[in-house]
Amino acid sequence: MRILIIEDERVLSNTIRDFFKEDFEIDQAFDGEEGILYAKQDIYDVIILDLMLPIKDGYQVLEQIRKDKILTPVLILTAKDSLSDKLQGFQKGGDDYLTKPFAKEELKARIEAMVRRSNPNFYKNEITFKDLKIDISNRKAYINNEELTLQGKQFDMLEYLMNHQNRIITKEQIFGKIWGFNSETTTNVVEVYASGIRKELKKYDYDQYFKTIRGVGYMIS
């Protein structure tokens, strides 16, 4: 899971990051404008959003990303606790609302609930497409119960596409999700890994379902 934290209080942002970093990939933005730039990559499973941000406030962030068709679940995390603030947060496109101070365990539980609602496959140990099956807990993939030979991030890329079947995932989204935008490599690595996955699927005549959308990205369909 990849989480974006948009919070200008760096101590708090780092505290949340440290709490989640063993289980999740974390990116941080420290003002509303930076938060929008990150969110528009559309690679996050959840966004944690403060409302009182510099440059653009949380309401403006929500309004902009929803206008741009970014449907990532957003948990508003703020000291603003009035009913009118909460209603405005939901009206702008927030999915949940938690006021400060908060218990980290509750924050985690709310995030997990949001992910279950938005992506029912996320917490499953197994995802299937026809006779292609991936076992997430053991990081193995099978076709007709024969194990595929997938190396490292090849499995991660296939899992990402399997989690979004019949949806085009751009090369930039795959790169950001799996390697991260701070990676020292380039987006060309996505093509290399895609080629490796396709070669393995071809052994079982499943490369026909691993589709390249030229100039855009990839999909399982």
Protein backbone atom coordinates (compact mmCIF):
# COMPACT_ATOMS: atom_id res chain seq x y z
CA MET A 1 0.00 0.00 0.00
CA ARG A 2 1.22 3.51 -0.79
CA ILE A 3 0.02 6.40 1.37
CA LEU A 4 0.37 10.13 0.73
CA ILE A 5 0.53 12.35 3.82
CA ILE A 6 -0.29 16.02 3.14
CA GLU A 7 0.55 17.73 6.43
CA ASP A 8 2.60 20.88 7.06
CA GLU A 9 3.53 20.03 10.65
CA ARG A 10 6.69 18.08 9.92
CA VAL A 11 6.95 16.49 13.36
CA LEU A 12 3.43 15.11 13.08
CA SER A 13 3.93 14.06 9.46
CA ASN A 14 7.11 12.21 10.39
CA THR A 15 5.39 10.57 13.37
CA ILE A 16 2.66 9.21 11.08
CA ARG A 17 5.28 8.14 8.53
CA ASP A 18 7.29 6.27 11.14
CA PHE A 19 4.18 4.53 12.46
CA PHE A 20 3.23 3.20 9.03
CA LYS A 21 6.58 2.78 7.27
CA GLU A 22 7.15 -0.87 8.16
CA ASP A 23 3.93 -1.92 6.39
CA PHE A 24 3.35 0.80 3.80
CA GLU A 25 5.19 2.97 1.30
CA ILE A 26 4.93 6.61 2.38
CA ASP A 27 5.24 9.89 0.48
CA GLN A 28 4.98 13.27 2.20
CA ALA A 29 3.88 16.70 1.00
CA PHE A 30 4.11 19.78 3.22
CA ASP A 31 1.79 22.27 1.53
CA GLY A 32 -1.40 22.10 -0.48
CA GLU A 33 0.15 22.81 -3.86
CA GLU A 34 2.78 20.10 -3.41
CA GLY A 35 0.04 17.75 -2.20
CA ILE A 36 -1.95 18.27 -5.40
CA LEU A 37 1.10 17.49 -7.54
CA TYR A 38 1.66 14.23 -5.68
CA ALA A 39 -2.02 13.25 -5.61
CA LYS A 40 -2.43 13.81 -9.36
CA GLN A 41 -0.01 10.94 -10.02
CA ASP A 42 -2.96 8.70 -9.00
CA ILE A 43 -0.76 5.99 -7.47
CA TYR A 44 -1.92 6.13 -3.86
CA ASP A 45 -4.22 3.80 -2.00
CA VAL A 46 -5.05 6.47 0.60
CA ILE A 47 -4.37 10.17 1.14
CA ILE A 48 -4.15 11.60 4.67
CA LEU A 49 -4.99 15.30 4.38
CA ASP A 50 -4.71 18.18 6.83
CA LEU A 51 -7.07 21.12 6.23
CA MET A 52 -4.94 24.02 7.50
CA LEU A 53 -2.17 23.97 4.91
CA PRO A 54 -0.01 26.75 3.42
CA ILE A 55 -0.42 27.94 -0.21
CA LYS A 56 -3.63 25.93 -0.74
CA ASP A 57 -5.76 24.64 2.10
CA GLY A 58 -7.12 21.11 2.38
CA TYR A 59 -10.51 22.06 0.98
CA GLN A 60 -8.83 23.43 -2.15
CA VAL A 61 -6.73 20.29 -2.44
CA LEU A 62 -9.82 18.10 -2.26
CA GLU A 63 -11.71 20.24 -4.73
CA GLN A 64 -8.86 20.16 -7.25
CA ILE A 65 -8.10 16.44 -7.13
CA ARG A 66 -11.78 15.52 -7.40
CA LYS A 67 -12.11 17.92 -10.34
CA ASP A 68 -9.18 16.06 -11.92
CA LYS A 69 -11.02 12.72 -11.46
CA ILE A 70 -8.62 11.46 -8.79
CA LEU A 71 -10.79 9.04 -6.81
CA THR A 72 -8.20 8.03 -4.20
CA PRO A 73 -9.86 7.70 -0.77
CA VAL A 74 -9.05 10.74 1.39
CA LEU A 75 -9.00 10.77 5.18
CA ILE A 76 -9.13 14.31 6.54
CA LEU A 77 -6.95 14.63 9.64
CA THR A 78 -7.37 18.04 11.25
CA ALA A 79 -7.83 20.08 14.42
CA LYS A 80 -10.98 21.66 12.90
CA ASP A 81 -13.77 19.86 14.75
CA SER A 82 -16.96 21.84 14.10
CA LEU A 83 -19.90 20.23 12.34
CA SER A 84 -19.69 22.79 9.51
CA ASP A 85 -16.00 21.89 8.92
CA LYS A 86 -16.86 18.18 8.79
CA LEU A 87 -19.77 18.71 6.43
CA GLN A 88 -17.65 20.85 4.12
CA GLY A 89 -14.93 18.20 4.15
CA PHE A 90 -17.36 15.52 3.03
CA GLN A 91 -19.01 17.82 0.49
CA LYS A 92 -15.61 18.54 -1.11
CA GLY A 93 -14.95 14.81 -1.53
CA GLY A 94 -13.46 13.53 1.72
CA ASP A 95 -14.17 9.90 2.61
CA ASP A 96 -13.49 10.00 6.35
CA TYR A 97 -12.78 12.65 8.98
CA LEU A 98 -10.62 12.29 12.10
CA THR A 99 -9.86 15.15 14.49
CA LYS A 100 -6.60 15.87 16.30
CA PRO A 101 -5.45 14.69 18.76
CA PHE A 102 -5.99 11.12 17.66
CA ALA A 103 -4.90 7.57 18.45
CA LYS A 104 -2.56 6.13 15.83
CA GLU A 105 -4.30 2.77 16.11
CA GLU A 106 -7.62 4.38 15.19
CA LEU A 107 -6.01 6.14 12.24
CA LYS A 108 -4.66 2.80 11.00
CA ALA A 109 -8.03 1.08 11.44
CA ARG A 110 -9.83 3.83 9.52
CA ILE A 111 -7.30 3.67 6.68
CA GLU A 112 -7.63 -0.10 6.40
CA ALA A 113 -11.43 0.22 6.33
CA MET A 114 -11.22 2.81 3.53
CA VAL A 115 -8.96 0.55 1.47
CA ARG A 116 -11.30 -2.43 1.92
CA ARG A 117 -14.19 -0.35 0.62
CA SER A 118 -12.34 1.09 -2.36
CA ASN A 119 -10.42 -2.04 -3.39
CA PRO A 120 -12.00 -5.32 -2.21
CA ASN A 121 -9.02 -7.28 -3.59
CA PHE A 122 -6.45 -5.43 -1.53
CA TYR A 123 -6.54 -7.55 1.61
CA LYS A 124 -7.13 -10.83 -0.17
CA ASN A 125 -4.29 -13.33 -0.16
CA GLU A 126 -5.20 -14.42 -3.66
CA ILE A 127 -6.18 -12.59 -6.84
CA THR A 128 -7.28 -14.43 -9.97
CA PHE A 129 -7.77 -13.71 -13.66
CA LYS A 130 -9.01 -16.72 -15.60
CA ASP A 131 -6.50 -19.47 -14.71
CA LEU A 132 -3.85 -16.96 -13.63
CA LYS A 133 -3.60 -16.79 -9.85
CA ILE A 134 -1.27 -14.82 -7.63
CA ASP A 135 -0.65 -15.71 -4.00
CA ILE A 136 0.16 -12.41 -2.31
CA SER A 137 1.33 -13.81 1.02
CA ASN A 138 3.87 -16.11 -0.65
CA ARG A 139 4.59 -13.76 -3.57
CA LYS A 140 4.05 -16.49 -6.15
CA ALA A 141 2.02 -16.66 -9.35
CA TYR A 142 0.50 -19.68 -11.07
CA ILE A 143 -1.26 -20.60 -14.28
CA ASN A 144 -3.15 -23.87 -14.11
CA ASN A 145 -1.27 -24.53 -10.85
CA GLU A 146 2.12 -24.26 -12.59
CA GLU A 147 4.35 -21.67 -10.94
CA LEU A 148 5.58 -18.74 -13.00
CA THR A 149 9.16 -17.54 -12.69
CA LEU A 150 8.85 -13.89 -11.67
CA GLN A 151 11.71 -11.87 -10.25
CA GLY A 152 11.22 -9.24 -7.53
CA LYS A 153 9.37 -6.28 -8.93
CA GLN A 154 7.96 -8.35 -11.80
CA PHE A 155 5.62 -9.85 -9.21
CA ASP A 156 4.82 -6.39 -7.82
CA MET A 157 3.98 -5.07 -11.27
CA LEU A 158 1.78 -8.06 -12.11
CA GLU A 159 0.02 -7.75 -8.75
CA TYR A 160 -0.64 -4.04 -9.38
CA LEU A 161 -2.18 -4.76 -12.78
CA MET A 162 -4.16 -7.71 -11.42
CA ASN A 163 -5.58 -5.43 -8.73
CA HIS A 164 -6.86 -3.12 -11.49
CA GLN A 165 -8.07 -5.57 -14.12
CA ASN A 166 -9.56 -4.04 -17.28
CA ARG A 167 -8.11 -0.63 -16.40
CA ILE A 168 -5.22 1.05 -18.21
CA ILE A 169 -2.35 1.82 -15.83
CA THR A 170 0.13 4.32 -17.19
CA LYS A 171 3.84 3.69 -17.22
CA GLU A 172 4.28 6.65 -14.87
CA GLN A 173 1.76 5.24 -12.41
CA ILE A 174 3.52 1.86 -12.38
CA PHE A 175 6.88 3.52 -11.88
CA GLY A 176 5.64 5.75 -9.07
CA LYS A 177 3.76 2.96 -7.34
CA ILE A 178 6.50 0.33 -7.44
CA TRP A 179 9.80 2.17 -7.68
CA GLY A 180 8.79 5.55 -6.26
CA PHE A 181 9.47 8.94 -7.80
CA ASN A 182 12.65 9.34 -5.77
CA SER A 183 14.15 6.25 -7.36
CA GLU A 184 17.51 6.71 -9.07
CA THR A 185 16.36 4.69 -12.08
CA THR A 186 14.10 5.94 -14.89
CA THR A 187 10.61 5.04 -16.13
CA ASN A 188 12.23 2.95 -18.89
CA VAL A 189 12.65 0.22 -16.29
CA VAL A 190 8.89 -0.39 -16.52
CA GLU A 191 9.23 -1.52 -20.15
CA VAL A 192 12.02 -3.92 -19.20
CA TYR A 193 9.94 -5.53 -16.46
CA ALA A 194 6.85 -5.63 -18.68
CA SER A 195 8.83 -7.49 -21.31
CA GLY A 196 9.95 -10.05 -18.72
CA ILE A 197 6.39 -10.61 -17.49
CA ARG A 198 5.07 -10.99 -21.02
CA LYS A 199 7.77 -13.51 -21.88
CA GLU A 200 6.81 -15.64 -18.88
CA LEU A 201 3.08 -15.41 -19.64
CA LYS A 202 3.71 -16.38 -23.26
CA LYS A 203 4.74 -19.87 -22.14
CA TYR A 204 1.09 -20.42 -21.23
CA ASP A 205 -0.44 -18.36 -24.06
CA TYR A 206 -1.44 -15.69 -21.50
CA ASP A 207 0.59 -12.89 -23.05
CA GLN A 208 -2.57 -12.08 -25.05
CA TYR A 209 -4.13 -10.75 -21.84
CA PHE A 210 -1.14 -8.60 -20.91
CA LYS A 211 -1.86 -5.66 -23.16
CA THR A 212 0.35 -2.74 -24.08
CA ILE A 213 -1.47 0.50 -24.81
CA ARG A 214 1.14 2.16 -26.98
CA GLY A 215 2.34 5.47 -25.59
CA VAL A 216 0.19 5.10 -22.48
CA GLY A 217 0.74 1.99 -20.37
CA TYR A 218 -0.44 -1.54 -19.68
CA MET A 219 -3.46 -3.54 -18.59
CA ILE A 220 -4.63 -7.06 -17.76
CA SER A 221 -7.76 -7.63 -19.76
